[in-house]
Amino acid sequence: MPHHYLLAMTNALPGQDVEFNRWYDERHLSDVMNVPGVVRALRLQAIDGLRGPLSWNYVTLYELDTEDPAGLLQELSRRAGTDLMPLTSAMDLGTAGAAILQAIGGVHPKPEHTAEQENHP
């Protein structure tokens, strides 16, 4: 089975970052994790001055364990804005986005360098 991920890209409304992050950490993560097939999550924040063309301040990478990623996305959409997954007025819905991604290779660790390799380019 291919390994899938859900990439969620979000912004808080101006001046609402504290409320947005409180909601995301204290409520939204657990709501998403309650959807069957969502295994774990990693939240990331862009660093000012080091974001390049990225327009989102917050990105969450959810690891999925499902044979039906489209069905999982439909279930997330069905729950969004309900008692199962309330949204917050602190989120900029106009810039939010999501995508299901599929791994196309394994993790590539950095090879160990030996003293001999350092002396010979």
Protein backbone atom coordinates (compact mmCIF):
# COMPACT_ATOMS: atom_id res chain seq x y z
CA MET A 1 0.00 0.00 0.00
CA PRO A 2 1.43 3.43 -0.91
CA HIS A 3 2.21 5.68 2.01
CA HIS A 4 0.04 8.82 2.02
CA TYR A 5 0.23 12.17 3.75
CA LEU A 6 -2.18 15.05 4.12
CA LEU A 7 -0.57 18.46 3.83
CA ALA A 8 -2.68 21.21 5.42
CA MET A 9 -1.60 24.81 4.76
CA THR A 10 -3.13 27.60 6.83
CA ASN A 11 -2.86 31.19 8.00
CA ALA A 12 -4.34 33.01 10.94
CA LEU A 13 -6.21 36.23 10.33
CA PRO A 14 -4.09 39.31 11.14
CA GLY A 15 -3.56 39.61 14.89
CA GLN A 16 -5.19 36.21 15.56
CA ASP A 17 -2.14 33.92 15.69
CA VAL A 18 -2.38 33.24 19.43
CA GLU A 19 -6.04 32.22 19.21
CA PHE A 20 -5.47 30.26 16.00
CA ASN A 21 -2.59 28.26 17.50
CA ARG A 22 -4.50 27.65 20.73
CA TRP A 23 -7.43 26.24 18.75
CA TYR A 24 -5.19 24.18 16.47
CA ASP A 25 -3.15 22.67 19.31
CA GLU A 26 -5.93 22.23 21.87
CA ARG A 27 -8.83 21.22 19.63
CA HIS A 28 -8.21 20.77 15.92
CA LEU A 29 -5.31 18.32 16.05
CA SER A 30 -7.26 15.87 18.18
CA ASP A 31 -10.35 16.28 15.97
CA VAL A 32 -8.31 15.39 12.88
CA MET A 33 -6.55 12.54 14.70
CA ASN A 34 -9.99 11.06 15.52
CA VAL A 35 -10.61 10.45 11.81
CA PRO A 36 -9.88 6.79 11.04
CA GLY A 37 -6.67 6.50 9.02
CA VAL A 38 -4.90 9.55 10.45
CA VAL A 39 -1.83 8.23 12.27
CA ARG A 40 0.18 11.24 13.44
CA ALA A 41 0.79 14.91 12.81
CA LEU A 42 3.68 17.36 12.65
CA ARG A 43 2.97 21.11 12.81
CA LEU A 44 5.42 23.52 11.21
CA GLN A 45 5.68 27.29 11.11
CA ALA A 46 7.44 29.31 8.42
CA ILE A 47 10.36 31.44 9.59
CA ASP A 48 10.07 35.11 8.62
CA GLY A 49 12.69 36.00 6.04
CA LEU A 50 13.33 32.34 5.20
CA ARG A 51 10.04 31.31 3.63
CA GLY A 52 10.76 31.98 -0.05
CA PRO A 53 7.55 32.11 -2.08
CA LEU A 54 5.56 30.15 0.54
CA SER A 55 2.38 32.07 1.35
CA TRP A 56 1.32 30.02 4.39
CA ASN A 57 2.55 30.65 7.90
CA TYR A 58 1.50 27.22 9.16
CA VAL A 59 1.76 23.79 7.60
CA THR A 60 0.72 20.50 9.17
CA LEU A 61 1.83 17.17 7.77
CA TYR A 62 -0.50 14.33 8.73
CA GLU A 63 0.66 10.77 8.19
CA LEU A 64 -2.12 8.55 6.87
CA ASP A 65 -2.69 4.80 6.98
CA THR A 66 -5.52 4.19 4.54
CA GLU A 67 -6.19 2.42 1.27
CA ASP A 68 -8.72 5.15 0.41
CA PRO A 69 -7.10 8.60 0.75
CA ALA A 70 -9.91 10.24 -1.26
CA GLY A 71 -12.47 8.79 1.16
CA LEU A 72 -10.45 10.06 4.12
CA LEU A 73 -10.37 13.55 2.61
CA GLN A 74 -14.13 13.38 2.05
CA GLU A 75 -14.62 12.40 5.71
CA LEU A 76 -12.50 15.33 6.86
CA SER A 77 -14.56 17.66 4.66
CA ARG A 78 -17.80 16.18 6.01
CA ARG A 79 -16.71 16.79 9.61
CA ALA A 80 -15.24 20.28 9.10
CA GLY A 81 -17.43 22.94 10.67
CA THR A 82 -19.55 20.44 12.64
CA ASP A 83 -19.48 19.51 16.33
CA LEU A 84 -16.99 16.79 15.38
CA MET A 85 -14.55 19.37 13.98
CA PRO A 86 -15.48 22.97 14.78
CA LEU A 87 -13.51 25.65 13.00
CA THR A 88 -12.25 28.92 14.44
CA SER A 89 -12.97 32.47 13.39
CA ALA A 90 -9.22 33.12 13.79
CA MET A 91 -8.36 31.12 10.64
CA ASP A 92 -8.09 32.78 7.24
CA LEU A 93 -10.33 30.41 5.26
CA GLY A 94 -9.56 32.27 2.04
CA THR A 95 -5.92 31.13 2.06
CA ALA A 96 -6.32 27.62 3.52
CA GLY A 97 -5.42 24.66 1.36
CA ALA A 98 -4.87 20.94 1.58
CA ALA A 99 -3.47 18.16 -0.57
CA ILE A 100 -3.07 14.41 -0.31
CA LEU A 101 0.49 13.38 -1.13
CA GLN A 102 1.92 9.97 -1.93
CA ALA A 103 5.47 8.92 -1.07
CA ILE A 104 7.51 8.18 -4.19
CA GLY A 105 10.62 7.00 -2.41
CA GLY A 106 11.99 6.17 0.97
CA VAL A 107 13.66 8.41 3.49
CA HIS A 108 17.22 9.20 2.44
CA PRO A 109 19.52 9.63 5.43
CA LYS A 110 22.77 11.48 5.00
CA PRO A 111 25.59 8.98 4.53
CA GLU A 112 28.23 8.82 7.23
CA HIS A 113 31.50 10.52 6.25
CA THR A 114 34.79 8.90 7.04
CA ALA A 115 38.13 10.62 7.47
CA GLU A 116 39.26 9.02 4.20
CA GLN A 117 36.29 10.53 2.31
CA GLU A 118 37.09 13.99 3.69
CA ASN A 119 40.63 13.82 2.29
CA HIS A 120 39.46 12.71 -1.18
CA PRO A 121 36.71 14.72 -2.85
